[in-house]
C-alpha atoms as a PDB file:
ATOM      1  CA  THR A   1      -4.311  12.720  -8.093  1.00  0.00           C
ATOM      2  CA  GLY A   2      -7.854  11.862  -7.297  1.00  0.00           C
ATOM      3  CA  SER A   3      -7.823  12.939  -3.759  1.00  0.00           C
ATOM      4  CA  ASN A   4      -6.763  16.574  -4.742  1.00  0.00           C
ATOM      5  CA  TYR A   5      -9.789  17.339  -6.825  1.00  0.00           C
ATOM      6  CA  ASN A   6     -10.622  21.016  -7.414  1.00  0.00           C
ATOM      7  CA  ASN A   7      -9.300  22.237  -4.094  1.00  0.00           C
ATOM      8  CA  SER A   8      -9.223  25.779  -5.639  1.00  0.00           C
ATOM      9  CA  TYR A   9     -12.805  25.594  -6.109  1.00  0.00           C
ATOM     10  CA  GLY A  10     -13.977  25.156  -2.644  1.00  0.00           C
ATOM     11  CA  VAL A  11     -14.036  21.284  -2.645  1.00  0.00           C
ATOM     12  CA  PRO A  12     -12.992  20.077   0.602  1.00  0.00           C
ATOM     13  CA  SER A  13      -9.250  18.409   0.756  1.00  0.00           C
ATOM     14  CA  GLY A  14      -9.344  14.573   0.488  1.00  0.00           C
ATOM     15  CA  THR A  15     -12.671  14.893  -1.938  1.00  0.00           C
ATOM     16  CA  TYR A  16     -12.242  12.643  -4.816  1.00  0.00           C
ATOM     17  CA  ALA A  17     -13.090  13.180  -8.472  1.00  0.00           C
ATOM     18  CA  ASN A  18     -15.848  10.534  -8.372  1.00  0.00           C
ATOM     19  CA  ASN A  19     -17.990  12.300  -5.397  1.00  0.00           C
ATOM     20  CA  TYR A  20     -21.292  13.201  -6.654  1.00  0.00           C
ATOM     21  CA  ALA A  21     -21.912  15.841  -4.143  1.00  0.00           C
ATOM     22  CA  TYR A  22     -19.161  17.874  -5.689  1.00  0.00           C
ATOM     23  CA  ASN A  23     -19.355  16.773  -9.264  1.00  0.00           C
ATOM     24  CA  THR A  24     -19.301  19.499 -11.979  1.00  0.00           C
ATOM     25  CA  ILE A  25     -22.039  17.698 -13.626  1.00  0.00           C
ATOM     26  CA  ARG A  26     -24.346  18.218 -10.610  1.00  0.00           C
ATOM     27  CA  LYS A  27     -23.469  21.865 -10.258  1.00  0.00           C
ATOM     28  CA  TRP A  28     -24.382  22.640 -14.170  1.00  0.00           C
ATOM     29  CA  LEU A  29     -27.491  20.673 -13.847  1.00  0.00           C
ATOM     30  CA  ASN A  30     -28.861  22.491 -10.872  1.00  0.00           C
ATOM     31  CA  GLY A  31     -27.509  25.915 -12.063  1.00  0.00           C
ATOM     32  CA  THR A  32     -27.136  26.667 -16.011  1.00  0.00           C
ATOM     33  CA  PHE A  33     -29.082  23.704 -17.056  1.00  0.00           C
ATOM     34  CA  TYR A  34     -32.015  24.236 -14.627  1.00  0.00           C
ATOM     35  CA  ASN A  35     -32.184  27.883 -15.241  1.00  0.00           C
ATOM     36  CA  THR A  36     -31.937  27.658 -19.068  1.00  0.00           C
ATOM     37  CA  ALA A  37     -34.051  24.479 -19.682  1.00  0.00           C
ATOM     38  CA  PHE A  38     -37.171  25.481 -17.788  1.00  0.00           C
ATOM     39  CA  ASN A  39     -39.426  28.435 -17.498  1.00  0.00           C
ATOM     40  CA  GLU A  40     -40.791  29.625 -14.215  1.00  0.00           C
ATOM     41  CA  LEU A  41     -44.163  27.783 -14.414  1.00  0.00           C
ATOM     42  CA  GLN A  42     -42.023  24.694 -14.995  1.00  0.00           C
ATOM     43  CA  LYS A  43     -39.848  25.397 -12.305  1.00  0.00           C
ATOM     44  CA  GLN A  44     -42.667  25.778  -9.696  1.00  0.00           C
ATOM     45  CA  ILE A  45     -43.597  21.978  -9.955  1.00  0.00           C
ATOM     46  CA  ILE A  46     -40.055  20.597 -10.080  1.00  0.00           C
ATOM     47  CA  LEU A  47     -39.602  19.048  -6.586  1.00  0.00           C
ATOM     48  CA  THR A  48     -36.370  19.081  -4.753  1.00  0.00           C
ATOM     49  CA  THR A  49     -35.263  15.581  -4.324  1.00  0.00           C
ATOM     50  CA  THR A  50     -33.328  14.006  -1.446  1.00  0.00           C
ATOM     51  CA  VAL A  51     -30.963  12.122  -3.920  1.00  0.00           C
ATOM     52  CA  ASP A  52     -29.456   8.874  -2.165  1.00  0.00           C
ATOM     53  CA  ASN A  53     -25.786   8.708  -2.927  1.00  0.00           C
ATOM     54  CA  SER A  54     -24.961   5.717  -0.540  1.00  0.00           C
ATOM     55  CA  ALA A  55     -23.029   2.778  -1.364  1.00  0.00           C
ATOM     56  CA  ALA A  56     -26.390   0.833  -1.879  1.00  0.00           C
ATOM     57  CA  THR A  57     -26.939   2.742  -4.940  1.00  0.00           C
ATOM     58  CA  THR A  58     -23.654   1.761  -6.597  1.00  0.00           C
ATOM     59  CA  ASN A  59     -22.622  -1.891  -7.521  1.00  0.00           C
ATOM     60  CA  SER A  60     -20.841  -2.262  -4.240  1.00  0.00           C
ATOM     61  CA  SER A  61     -22.188  -2.384  -0.609  1.00  0.00           C
ATOM     62  CA  THR A  62     -18.881  -1.033   0.747  1.00  0.00           C
ATOM     63  CA  ASN A  63     -18.159   1.398  -1.862  1.00  0.00           C
ATOM     64  CA  GLN A  64     -15.562   3.804  -0.028  1.00  0.00           C
ATOM     65  CA  TYR A  65     -16.347   6.747  -2.673  1.00  0.00           C
ATOM     66  CA  ALA A  66     -20.069   6.903  -2.174  1.00  0.00           C
ATOM     67  CA  CYS A  67     -21.002  10.250  -0.702  1.00  0.00           C
ATOM     68  CA  GLU A  68     -23.519  12.071   1.260  1.00  0.00           C
ATOM     69  CA  ASN A  69     -26.882  12.389  -0.012  1.00  0.00           C
ATOM     70  CA  THR A  70     -27.550  15.663  -1.865  1.00  0.00           C
ATOM     71  CA  GLU A  71     -30.807  17.828  -2.263  1.00  0.00           C
ATOM     72  CA  ASP A  72     -31.253  18.441  -6.025  1.00  0.00           C
ATOM     73  CA  LYS A  73     -33.780  19.478  -8.758  1.00  0.00           C
ATOM     74  CA  ILE A  74     -32.127  17.881 -11.417  1.00  0.00           C
ATOM     75  CA  PHE A  75     -29.873  14.789 -10.943  1.00  0.00           C
ATOM     76  CA  LEU A  76     -28.425  11.885 -12.800  1.00  0.00           C
ATOM     77  CA  LEU A  77     -29.554   8.517 -11.989  1.00  0.00           C
ATOM     78  CA  SER A  78     -27.581   5.896  -9.890  1.00  0.00           C
ATOM     79  CA  TYR A  79     -26.377   2.551 -10.896  1.00  0.00           C
ATOM     80  CA  GLN A  80     -29.222   0.958  -8.730  1.00  0.00           C
ATOM     81  CA  ASP A  81     -31.680   3.333 -10.736  1.00  0.00           C
ATOM     82  CA  ILE A  82     -30.898   1.850 -13.916  1.00  0.00           C
ATOM     83  CA  ILE A  83     -31.419  -1.947 -13.099  1.00  0.00           C
ATOM     84  CA  ASN A  84     -34.862  -1.106 -11.118  1.00  0.00           C
ATOM     85  CA  SER A  85     -37.783  -3.176 -13.343  1.00  0.00           C
ATOM     86  CA  ASN A  86     -40.118  -0.604 -11.555  1.00  0.00           C
ATOM     87  CA  TYR A  87     -38.493   2.065 -13.623  1.00  0.00           C
ATOM     88  CA  GLY A  88     -38.715   0.094 -16.859  1.00  0.00           C
ATOM     89  CA  PHE A  89     -35.145  -1.072 -17.080  1.00  0.00           C
ATOM     90  CA  SER A  90     -34.115  -4.825 -17.199  1.00  0.00           C
ATOM     91  CA  SER A  91     -32.875  -5.919 -13.805  1.00  0.00           C
ATOM     92  CA  SER A  92     -29.316  -7.075 -15.537  1.00  0.00           C
ATOM     93  CA  TYR A  93     -26.726  -4.379 -16.139  1.00  0.00           C
ATOM     94  CA  SER A  94     -25.234  -6.431 -18.814  1.00  0.00           C
ATOM     95  CA  ASP A  95     -28.294  -6.886 -20.854  1.00  0.00           C
ATOM     96  CA  CYS A  96     -28.425  -4.270 -24.083  1.00  0.00           C
ATOM     97  CA  ASP A  97     -31.590  -2.733 -22.627  1.00  0.00           C
ATOM     98  CA  ALA A  98     -33.249  -0.538 -25.083  1.00  0.00           C
ATOM     99  CA  ALA A  99     -34.906   1.509 -22.281  1.00  0.00           C
ATOM    100  CA  ARG A 100     -31.408   2.488 -21.398  1.00  0.00           C
ATOM    101  CA  GLN A 101     -30.464   3.242 -24.992  1.00  0.00           C
ATOM    102  CA  LYS A 102     -30.801   7.042 -25.633  1.00  0.00           C
ATOM    103  CA  LYS A 103     -30.178   9.229 -28.764  1.00  0.00           C
ATOM    104  CA  THR A 104     -27.515  11.737 -28.560  1.00  0.00           C
ATOM    105  CA  THR A 105     -28.538  15.165 -29.287  1.00  0.00           C
ATOM    106  CA  ASP A 106     -26.704  17.297 -31.813  1.00  0.00           C
ATOM    107  CA  TYR A 107     -25.683  19.442 -28.965  1.00  0.00           C
ATOM    108  CA  ALA A 108     -24.136  16.510 -27.070  1.00  0.00           C
ATOM    109  CA  GLN A 109     -22.169  15.473 -30.095  1.00  0.00           C
ATOM    110  CA  ALA A 110     -20.819  18.790 -30.506  1.00  0.00           C
ATOM    111  CA  GLN A 111     -19.684  18.883 -27.158  1.00  0.00           C
ATOM    112  CA  GLY A 112     -17.806  15.457 -27.728  1.00  0.00           C
ATOM    113  CA  ALA A 113     -20.168  12.788 -26.562  1.00  0.00           C
ATOM    114  CA  TYR A 114     -19.597   9.387 -28.062  1.00  0.00           C
ATOM    115  CA  THR A 115     -22.463   8.305 -30.727  1.00  0.00           C
ATOM    116  CA  ALA A 116     -22.926   4.915 -32.281  1.00  0.00           C
ATOM    117  CA  GLY A 117     -25.290   5.468 -34.997  1.00  0.00           C
ATOM    118  CA  TYR A 118     -27.655   7.838 -33.061  1.00  0.00           C
ATOM    119  CA  ARG A 119     -27.167   6.202 -29.666  1.00  0.00           C
ATOM    120  CA  GLY A 120     -24.651   7.580 -27.117  1.00  0.00           C
ATOM    121  CA  ASN A 121     -23.139   7.185 -23.732  1.00  0.00           C
ATOM    122  CA  TRP A 122     -24.676   8.775 -20.614  1.00  0.00           C
ATOM    123  CA  TRP A 123     -23.343   9.143 -17.104  1.00  0.00           C
ATOM    124  CA  LEU A 124     -24.633   7.899 -13.878  1.00  0.00           C
ATOM    125  CA  ARG A 125     -23.871   9.507 -10.614  1.00  0.00           C
ATOM    126  CA  SER A 126     -22.307   6.155  -9.040  1.00  0.00           C
ATOM    127  CA  PRO A 127     -18.489   6.087  -8.234  1.00  0.00           C
ATOM    128  CA  ILE A 128     -16.879   2.752  -8.981  1.00  0.00           C
ATOM    129  CA  SER A 129     -15.556   1.087  -5.677  1.00  0.00           C
ATOM    130  CA  GLY A 130     -11.753   0.743  -6.013  1.00  0.00           C
ATOM    131  CA  ARG A 131     -11.182   3.815  -8.480  1.00  0.00           C
ATOM    132  CA  SER A 132     -11.071   7.176  -6.955  1.00  0.00           C
ATOM    133  CA  SER A 133     -11.708   9.011 -10.300  1.00  0.00           C
ATOM    134  CA  ALA A 134     -14.112   6.602 -12.035  1.00  0.00           C
ATOM    135  CA  ALA A 135     -17.533   6.437 -12.240  1.00  0.00           C
ATOM    136  CA  TYR A 136     -20.550   4.424 -14.164  1.00  0.00           C
ATOM    137  CA  TYR A 137     -21.851   5.319 -17.207  1.00  0.00           C
ATOM    138  CA  VAL A 138     -24.610   3.396 -19.788  1.00  0.00           C
ATOM    139  CA  ASN A 139     -23.025   2.804 -22.945  1.00  0.00           C
ATOM    140  CA  SER A 140     -24.729   3.128 -26.625  1.00  0.00           C
ATOM    141  CA  SER A 141     -25.818  -0.412 -26.383  1.00  0.00           C
ATOM    142  CA  GLY A 142     -27.534   0.032 -23.091  1.00  0.00           C
ATOM    143  CA  HIS A 143     -25.520  -1.948 -20.739  1.00  0.00           C
ATOM    144  CA  THR A 144     -22.998  -0.143 -18.054  1.00  0.00           C
ATOM    145  CA  GLU A 145     -19.179   0.375 -17.961  1.00  0.00           C
ATOM    146  CA  SER A 146     -16.891   2.543 -16.216  1.00  0.00           C
ATOM    147  CA  THR A 147     -14.408   5.268 -17.038  1.00  0.00           C
ATOM    148  CA  TYR A 148     -12.505   8.131 -15.611  1.00  0.00           C
ATOM    149  CA  VAL A 149     -14.875  11.183 -14.661  1.00  0.00           C
ATOM    150  CA  TYR A 150     -12.485  13.291 -16.880  1.00  0.00           C
ATOM    151  CA  SER A 151     -13.791  11.735 -19.864  1.00  0.00           C
ATOM    152  CA  THR A 152     -15.939  13.868 -22.122  1.00  0.00           C
ATOM    153  CA  SER A 153     -17.242  10.961 -24.205  1.00  0.00           C
ATOM    154  CA  CYS A 154     -20.546  10.790 -22.140  1.00  0.00           C
ATOM    155  CA  GLY A 155     -23.587  12.632 -22.444  1.00  0.00           C
ATOM    156  CA  VAL A 156     -26.081  13.612 -19.530  1.00  0.00           C
ATOM    157  CA  VAL A 157     -29.439  12.153 -19.128  1.00  0.00           C
ATOM    158  CA  PRO A 158     -31.447  14.588 -16.453  1.00  0.00           C
ATOM    159  CA  ALA A 159     -33.680  13.047 -13.966  1.00  0.00           C
ATOM    160  CA  LEU A 160     -36.104  15.000 -11.928  1.00  0.00           C
ATOM    161  CA  GLN A 161     -39.493  14.595  -9.890  1.00  0.00           C
ATOM    162  CA  ILE A 162     -42.509  16.781 -10.603  1.00  0.00           C
ATOM    163  CA  ARG A 163     -45.648  17.564  -8.546  1.00  0.00           C
ATOM    164  CA  LEU A 164     -48.263  16.118 -10.891  1.00  0.00           C
ATOM    165  CA  PHE A 165     -51.262  17.713  -8.652  1.00  0.00           C
ATOM    166  CA  ASP A 166     -50.008  21.255  -9.523  1.00  0.00           C
ATOM    167  CA  VAL A 167     -49.804  20.307 -13.320  1.00  0.00           C
ATOM    168  CA  PHE A 168     -53.318  19.113 -13.417  1.00  0.00           C
ATOM    169  CA  HIS A 169     -54.522  22.046 -10.871  1.00  0.00           C
ATOM    170  CA  ASN A 170     -53.107  24.682 -13.092  1.00  0.00           C
ATOM    171  CA  CYS A 171     -54.589  23.161 -16.061  1.00  0.00           C
ATOM    172  CA  THR A 172     -58.333  23.424 -14.616  1.00  0.00           C
ATOM    173  CA  ASP A 173     -57.897  26.806 -13.331  1.00  0.00           C
END
């Protein structure tokens, strides 16, 4: 069941599979991906971000599966992020928003990510209220849906914050 998620890997008993703080994608993003995708100079400008994982970032103000905030270099966007017009997205989750449509890489396709034409599905960090093993994702048309976190049909769209001052400062030295 969802409440026995990965107890053998140091995840506290009673933690559900859609808990972002203990999610294997989060661990991969901040470990293997971070250490493989970025060189040492790039790592110097990537900030550690306090990632808000509260119920307010999901589609429910009382989401019992929301978890504590995390400190991450690389993270997934939340449901609230992808309906934020300040980030360039449509404010409606049901719109087929072109800004939310992402190309599926050959690597993601080889790992099993679903592709419709050249676009694919991608995970959000937000759990579904009322479903202990489900989370939101953005489908190939650019609107949100939910599925079980065990699904391998979704790709990953990494998010990060950088320190621009250091980028420009290093360029002028």
